[in-house]
N, C-alpha and C. Protein backbone atom coordinates (compact mmCIF):
# COMPACT_ATOMS: atom_id res chain seq x y z
N PRO A 1 113.77 95.37 87.11
CA PRO A 1 114.66 94.43 86.43
C PRO A 1 116.03 94.39 87.11
N ILE A 2 116.66 93.23 87.06
CA ILE A 2 117.98 93.05 87.68
C ILE A 2 119.01 93.90 86.97
N CYS A 3 119.09 93.81 85.66
CA CYS A 3 120.00 94.68 84.93
C CYS A 3 119.40 95.03 83.57
N ALA A 4 119.70 96.21 83.16
CA ALA A 4 119.25 96.67 81.85
C ALA A 4 120.43 96.63 80.90
N PHE A 5 120.16 96.18 79.69
CA PHE A 5 121.23 96.14 78.71
C PHE A 5 120.65 96.38 77.34
N ARG A 6 121.49 96.82 76.44
CA ARG A 6 121.05 97.02 75.06
C ARG A 6 122.14 96.48 74.14
N ARG A 7 121.76 96.23 72.91
CA ARG A 7 122.72 95.69 71.95
C ARG A 7 123.84 96.71 71.76
N ILE A 8 125.07 96.24 71.79
CA ILE A 8 126.21 97.13 71.59
C ILE A 8 126.96 96.70 70.35
N GLN A 9 127.65 97.62 69.75
CA GLN A 9 128.35 97.37 68.50
C GLN A 9 129.76 96.86 68.76
N ARG A 10 130.16 95.88 67.97
CA ARG A 10 131.51 95.32 68.05
C ARG A 10 132.43 96.17 67.18
N ARG A 11 133.61 96.43 67.68
CA ARG A 11 134.61 97.16 66.90
C ARG A 11 135.50 96.17 66.17
N ASP A 12 135.36 96.08 64.88
CA ASP A 12 136.19 95.20 64.08
C ASP A 12 137.25 96.02 63.36
N THR A 13 138.37 95.38 63.11
CA THR A 13 139.42 96.05 62.35
C THR A 13 139.60 95.34 61.04
N ALA A 14 139.94 96.08 60.00
CA ALA A 14 140.14 95.51 58.68
C ALA A 14 141.59 95.11 58.45
N ARG A 15 142.47 95.46 59.36
CA ARG A 15 143.89 95.14 59.20
C ARG A 15 144.15 93.67 59.46
N PRO A 16 145.08 93.08 58.69
CA PRO A 16 145.49 91.69 59.01
C PRO A 16 146.17 91.66 60.38
N ARG A 17 145.96 90.58 61.11
CA ARG A 17 146.53 90.47 62.44
C ARG A 17 147.56 89.35 62.49
N PRO A 18 148.62 89.54 63.27
CA PRO A 18 149.61 88.47 63.41
C PRO A 18 149.02 87.28 64.15
N PRO A 19 149.64 86.08 64.03
CA PRO A 19 149.14 84.90 64.74
C PRO A 19 149.05 85.18 66.24
N GLY A 20 147.97 84.72 66.85
CA GLY A 20 147.76 84.93 68.28
C GLY A 20 147.08 86.25 68.59
N ALA A 21 147.09 87.18 67.66
CA ALA A 21 146.49 88.49 67.90
C ALA A 21 144.97 88.40 68.02
N ALA A 22 144.36 87.51 67.25
CA ALA A 22 142.90 87.38 67.30
C ALA A 22 142.44 86.99 68.69
N LEU A 23 143.12 86.02 69.32
CA LEU A 23 142.74 85.61 70.66
C LEU A 23 142.99 86.74 71.65
N LYS A 24 144.13 87.41 71.53
CA LYS A 24 144.42 88.54 72.43
C LYS A 24 143.37 89.62 72.26
N ASP A 25 143.02 89.92 71.00
CA ASP A 25 141.99 90.92 70.76
C ASP A 25 140.65 90.49 71.36
N ALA A 26 140.29 89.21 71.20
CA ALA A 26 139.03 88.71 71.75
C ALA A 26 139.03 88.83 73.27
N VAL A 27 140.13 88.49 73.91
CA VAL A 27 140.23 88.59 75.37
C VAL A 27 140.07 90.05 75.80
N GLU A 28 140.75 90.95 75.12
CA GLU A 28 140.64 92.38 75.47
C GLU A 28 139.24 92.92 75.22
N LEU A 29 138.63 92.54 74.09
CA LEU A 29 137.26 92.98 73.81
C LEU A 29 136.29 92.41 74.85
N GLY A 30 136.49 91.15 75.23
CA GLY A 30 135.65 90.54 76.25
C GLY A 30 135.80 91.24 77.60
N LYS A 31 137.01 91.60 77.93
CA LYS A 31 137.27 92.33 79.18
C LYS A 31 136.55 93.68 79.16
N GLU A 32 136.62 94.37 78.03
CA GLU A 32 135.91 95.66 77.90
C GLU A 32 134.40 95.47 78.05
N LEU A 33 133.86 94.44 77.38
CA LEU A 33 132.43 94.17 77.48
C LEU A 33 132.02 93.90 78.92
N PHE A 34 132.81 93.09 79.62
CA PHE A 34 132.52 92.73 81.00
C PHE A 34 132.35 93.98 81.87
N LYS A 35 133.14 95.00 81.58
CA LYS A 35 133.14 96.22 82.40
C LYS A 35 132.16 97.29 81.92
N GLN A 36 131.54 97.10 80.77
CA GLN A 36 130.65 98.13 80.23
C GLN A 36 129.34 98.18 81.00
N ASP A 37 128.88 99.40 81.26
CA ASP A 37 127.62 99.59 81.98
C ASP A 37 126.43 98.98 81.26
N ASN A 38 126.41 99.04 79.93
CA ASN A 38 125.24 98.54 79.21
C ASN A 38 125.22 97.02 79.10
N VAL A 39 126.28 96.35 79.51
CA VAL A 39 126.28 94.89 79.60
C VAL A 39 126.13 94.50 81.07
N GLY A 40 126.95 95.08 81.93
CA GLY A 40 126.74 94.99 83.36
C GLY A 40 127.24 93.75 84.07
N CYS A 41 128.09 92.94 83.45
CA CYS A 41 128.59 91.71 84.10
C CYS A 41 129.20 92.01 85.47
N TYR A 42 129.98 93.08 85.54
CA TYR A 42 130.71 93.42 86.77
C TYR A 42 129.78 93.77 87.93
N ARG A 43 128.54 94.10 87.62
CA ARG A 43 127.62 94.46 88.69
C ARG A 43 127.26 93.27 89.58
N CYS A 44 127.28 92.08 88.97
CA CYS A 44 126.90 90.88 89.72
C CYS A 44 128.07 89.93 90.00
N HIS A 45 129.12 90.02 89.19
CA HIS A 45 130.25 89.09 89.31
C HIS A 45 131.51 89.82 89.75
N VAL A 46 132.25 89.20 90.63
CA VAL A 46 133.51 89.76 91.11
C VAL A 46 134.67 89.03 90.43
N ILE A 47 135.70 89.78 90.11
CA ILE A 47 136.97 89.22 89.62
C ILE A 47 138.08 89.86 90.43
N SER A 48 138.86 89.05 91.10
CA SER A 48 139.98 89.53 91.92
C SER A 48 139.57 90.63 92.88
N GLY A 49 138.42 90.45 93.53
CA GLY A 49 137.98 91.39 94.55
C GLY A 49 137.26 92.62 94.04
N VAL A 50 137.04 92.73 92.72
CA VAL A 50 136.37 93.90 92.16
C VAL A 50 135.09 93.46 91.46
N GLY A 51 133.97 94.05 91.88
CA GLY A 51 132.69 93.74 91.24
C GLY A 51 131.63 93.42 92.27
N GLY A 52 130.51 92.92 91.77
CA GLY A 52 129.36 92.63 92.61
C GLY A 52 129.42 91.25 93.24
N ILE A 53 128.42 90.96 94.08
CA ILE A 53 128.41 89.68 94.79
C ILE A 53 127.12 88.89 94.58
N ARG A 54 126.24 89.38 93.69
CA ARG A 54 124.98 88.66 93.46
C ARG A 54 125.18 87.38 92.66
N GLY A 55 126.26 87.34 91.86
CA GLY A 55 126.56 86.16 91.06
C GLY A 55 127.86 85.54 91.50
N PRO A 56 128.20 84.39 90.94
CA PRO A 56 129.43 83.69 91.33
C PRO A 56 130.70 84.50 91.07
N ASP A 57 131.69 84.28 91.91
CA ASP A 57 133.02 84.86 91.74
C ASP A 57 133.64 84.24 90.49
N LEU A 58 134.12 85.06 89.59
CA LEU A 58 134.69 84.57 88.32
C LEU A 58 136.21 84.66 88.29
N THR A 59 136.83 84.87 89.43
CA THR A 59 138.28 85.05 89.48
C THR A 59 139.04 83.95 88.77
N ARG A 60 138.72 82.71 88.99
CA ARG A 60 139.41 81.58 88.33
C ARG A 60 138.39 80.69 87.62
N VAL A 61 137.43 81.32 86.97
CA VAL A 61 136.34 80.57 86.35
C VAL A 61 136.83 79.57 85.29
N ALA A 62 137.92 79.86 84.61
CA ALA A 62 138.41 78.95 83.58
C ALA A 62 138.83 77.60 84.15
N SER A 63 139.25 77.58 85.40
CA SER A 63 139.70 76.33 86.02
C SER A 63 138.56 75.46 86.51
N ARG A 64 137.35 76.00 86.59
CA ARG A 64 136.23 75.19 87.08
C ARG A 64 135.04 75.10 86.13
N ALA A 65 134.99 75.93 85.10
CA ALA A 65 133.83 75.95 84.20
C ALA A 65 133.63 74.62 83.48
N GLY A 66 134.71 73.91 83.18
CA GLY A 66 134.60 72.64 82.48
C GLY A 66 134.04 71.51 83.33
N SER A 67 133.93 71.73 84.63
CA SER A 67 133.39 70.68 85.50
C SER A 67 131.96 70.98 85.96
N ARG A 68 131.39 72.06 85.49
CA ARG A 68 130.03 72.44 85.91
C ARG A 68 128.98 71.47 85.38
N VAL A 69 129.04 71.16 84.08
CA VAL A 69 128.05 70.30 83.44
C VAL A 69 128.78 69.15 82.77
N ALA A 70 128.44 67.94 83.15
CA ALA A 70 129.09 66.75 82.59
C ALA A 70 129.01 66.76 81.06
N GLY A 71 130.15 66.52 80.43
CA GLY A 71 130.20 66.45 78.98
C GLY A 71 130.32 67.78 78.27
N ARG A 72 130.37 68.87 79.03
CA ARG A 72 130.50 70.20 78.44
C ARG A 72 131.88 70.76 78.76
N PRO A 73 132.71 71.02 77.74
CA PRO A 73 133.98 71.70 78.01
C PRO A 73 133.71 73.14 78.48
N ALA A 74 134.69 73.75 79.09
CA ALA A 74 134.54 75.09 79.67
C ALA A 74 133.99 76.11 78.68
N ASP A 75 134.55 76.13 77.47
CA ASP A 75 134.09 77.15 76.52
C ASP A 75 132.62 76.96 76.16
N GLN A 76 132.20 75.73 75.98
CA GLN A 76 130.80 75.47 75.63
C GLN A 76 129.87 75.84 76.78
N TYR A 77 130.25 75.46 77.99
CA TYR A 77 129.43 75.81 79.16
C TYR A 77 129.28 77.33 79.28
N LEU A 78 130.39 78.05 79.19
CA LEU A 78 130.34 79.51 79.33
C LEU A 78 129.49 80.14 78.22
N ARG A 79 129.67 79.69 77.00
CA ARG A 79 128.90 80.20 75.86
C ARG A 79 127.40 79.99 76.10
N GLU A 80 127.05 78.77 76.50
CA GLU A 80 125.63 78.45 76.71
C GLU A 80 125.06 79.22 77.90
N LYS A 81 125.83 79.34 78.98
CA LYS A 81 125.35 80.04 80.18
C LYS A 81 125.15 81.53 79.89
N ILE A 82 126.10 82.15 79.20
CA ILE A 82 125.96 83.57 78.86
C ILE A 82 124.75 83.77 77.96
N SER A 83 124.60 82.92 76.99
CA SER A 83 123.48 83.04 76.04
C SER A 83 122.12 82.85 76.70
N ALA A 84 122.00 81.83 77.55
CA ALA A 84 120.71 81.47 78.13
C ALA A 84 120.43 82.12 79.48
N GLY A 85 121.48 82.52 80.19
CA GLY A 85 121.28 83.16 81.50
C GLY A 85 120.49 82.29 82.46
N LEU A 86 119.47 82.88 83.08
CA LEU A 86 118.70 82.16 84.09
C LEU A 86 117.89 81.01 83.51
N THR A 87 117.74 80.94 82.20
CA THR A 87 116.99 79.84 81.59
C THR A 87 117.86 78.60 81.36
N TYR A 88 119.16 78.70 81.62
CA TYR A 88 120.06 77.56 81.44
C TYR A 88 119.76 76.50 82.49
N SER A 89 119.83 75.25 82.11
CA SER A 89 119.42 74.17 83.01
C SER A 89 120.30 74.03 84.25
N PHE A 90 121.60 74.34 84.15
CA PHE A 90 122.48 74.22 85.31
C PHE A 90 122.42 75.49 86.14
N ARG A 91 122.22 75.34 87.43
CA ARG A 91 122.22 76.46 88.35
C ARG A 91 123.43 76.33 89.28
N VAL A 92 124.18 77.41 89.43
CA VAL A 92 125.32 77.39 90.34
C VAL A 92 124.78 77.36 91.77
N PRO A 93 125.20 76.34 92.55
CA PRO A 93 124.71 76.25 93.93
C PRO A 93 124.97 77.54 94.71
N GLU A 94 124.06 77.87 95.59
CA GLU A 94 124.16 79.01 96.49
C GLU A 94 123.85 80.35 95.83
N TYR A 95 123.43 80.34 94.56
CA TYR A 95 123.10 81.60 93.87
C TYR A 95 121.72 81.48 93.24
N ASP A 96 120.91 82.53 93.42
CA ASP A 96 119.62 82.58 92.74
C ASP A 96 119.84 82.78 91.25
N PRO A 97 119.02 82.15 90.41
CA PRO A 97 119.17 82.32 88.96
C PRO A 97 118.59 83.67 88.51
N ILE A 98 119.46 84.68 88.43
CA ILE A 98 119.00 86.03 88.09
C ILE A 98 119.66 86.58 86.83
N MET A 99 120.64 85.86 86.27
CA MET A 99 121.37 86.39 85.11
C MET A 99 120.47 86.45 83.88
N PRO A 100 120.38 87.61 83.25
CA PRO A 100 119.55 87.69 82.05
C PRO A 100 120.18 86.91 80.90
N PRO A 101 119.35 86.41 79.98
CA PRO A 101 119.90 85.75 78.79
C PRO A 101 120.44 86.82 77.84
N PHE A 102 121.70 86.72 77.49
CA PHE A 102 122.34 87.74 76.66
C PHE A 102 122.28 87.43 75.17
N ARG A 103 121.67 86.31 74.77
CA ARG A 103 121.66 85.94 73.35
C ARG A 103 120.97 86.97 72.47
N GLN A 104 120.08 87.76 73.02
CA GLN A 104 119.41 88.77 72.22
C GLN A 104 120.02 90.16 72.39
N ALA A 105 120.84 90.33 73.40
CA ALA A 105 121.45 91.64 73.65
C ALA A 105 122.84 91.77 73.06
N LEU A 106 123.53 90.64 72.90
CA LEU A 106 124.89 90.65 72.38
C LEU A 106 124.96 89.86 71.09
N THR A 107 125.90 90.23 70.25
CA THR A 107 126.12 89.46 69.03
C THR A 107 126.85 88.17 69.37
N ARG A 108 126.87 87.25 68.44
CA ARG A 108 127.61 85.99 68.63
C ARG A 108 129.09 86.29 68.87
N ASP A 109 129.65 87.24 68.13
CA ASP A 109 131.06 87.61 68.31
C ASP A 109 131.31 88.19 69.70
N GLN A 110 130.39 88.98 70.20
CA GLN A 110 130.56 89.55 71.54
C GLN A 110 130.52 88.46 72.61
N ILE A 111 129.64 87.49 72.43
CA ILE A 111 129.59 86.37 73.37
C ILE A 111 130.91 85.60 73.31
N GLU A 112 131.43 85.38 72.11
CA GLU A 112 132.72 84.69 71.96
C GLU A 112 133.84 85.48 72.63
N ASP A 113 133.80 86.81 72.53
CA ASP A 113 134.80 87.64 73.20
C ASP A 113 134.71 87.50 74.72
N LEU A 114 133.49 87.49 75.26
CA LEU A 114 133.32 87.28 76.71
C LEU A 114 133.85 85.91 77.12
N VAL A 115 133.57 84.89 76.32
CA VAL A 115 134.06 83.54 76.61
C VAL A 115 135.59 83.54 76.60
N ALA A 116 136.20 84.18 75.60
CA ALA A 116 137.67 84.24 75.53
C ALA A 116 138.24 84.92 76.78
N PHE A 117 137.61 86.01 77.20
CA PHE A 117 138.07 86.70 78.41
C PHE A 117 137.95 85.80 79.64
N LEU A 118 136.80 85.17 79.81
CA LEU A 118 136.59 84.31 80.97
C LEU A 118 137.53 83.12 80.97
N LEU A 119 137.84 82.58 79.81
CA LEU A 119 138.79 81.47 79.73
C LEU A 119 140.22 81.90 80.05
N SER A 120 140.49 83.19 80.02
CA SER A 120 141.82 83.69 80.39
C SER A 120 141.97 83.79 81.90
N LEU A 121 140.89 83.63 82.63
CA LEU A 121 140.90 83.77 84.10
C LEU A 121 141.15 82.41 84.73
N LYS A 122 142.43 82.03 84.79
CA LYS A 122 142.81 80.71 85.32
C LYS A 122 143.35 80.79 86.72
């Protein structure tokens, strides 16, 4: 298998958060998920020169994700691609479709956190 992963638990807090904190928290949680061994995004994707090369460079993915699929804004494209992986209809040119579908390995909130993190990479 290309990568092994298992369902991981999301850390939620019960404290009220100030405005803007939810997005910051989502970005930080997404960044943590990206780097976790049991998710493994970093093994195939590089960000700012750190990571693998089997998948597309995600250094400025937020600036180009919205143009990948006509009619799909960046957040929707990223959400769908992460969820469906290699089964997603759009294939990034020059890369073999090897990304596993994460819809069964990650919770909806975890996928949203990854999307928030990737959208911060402008």
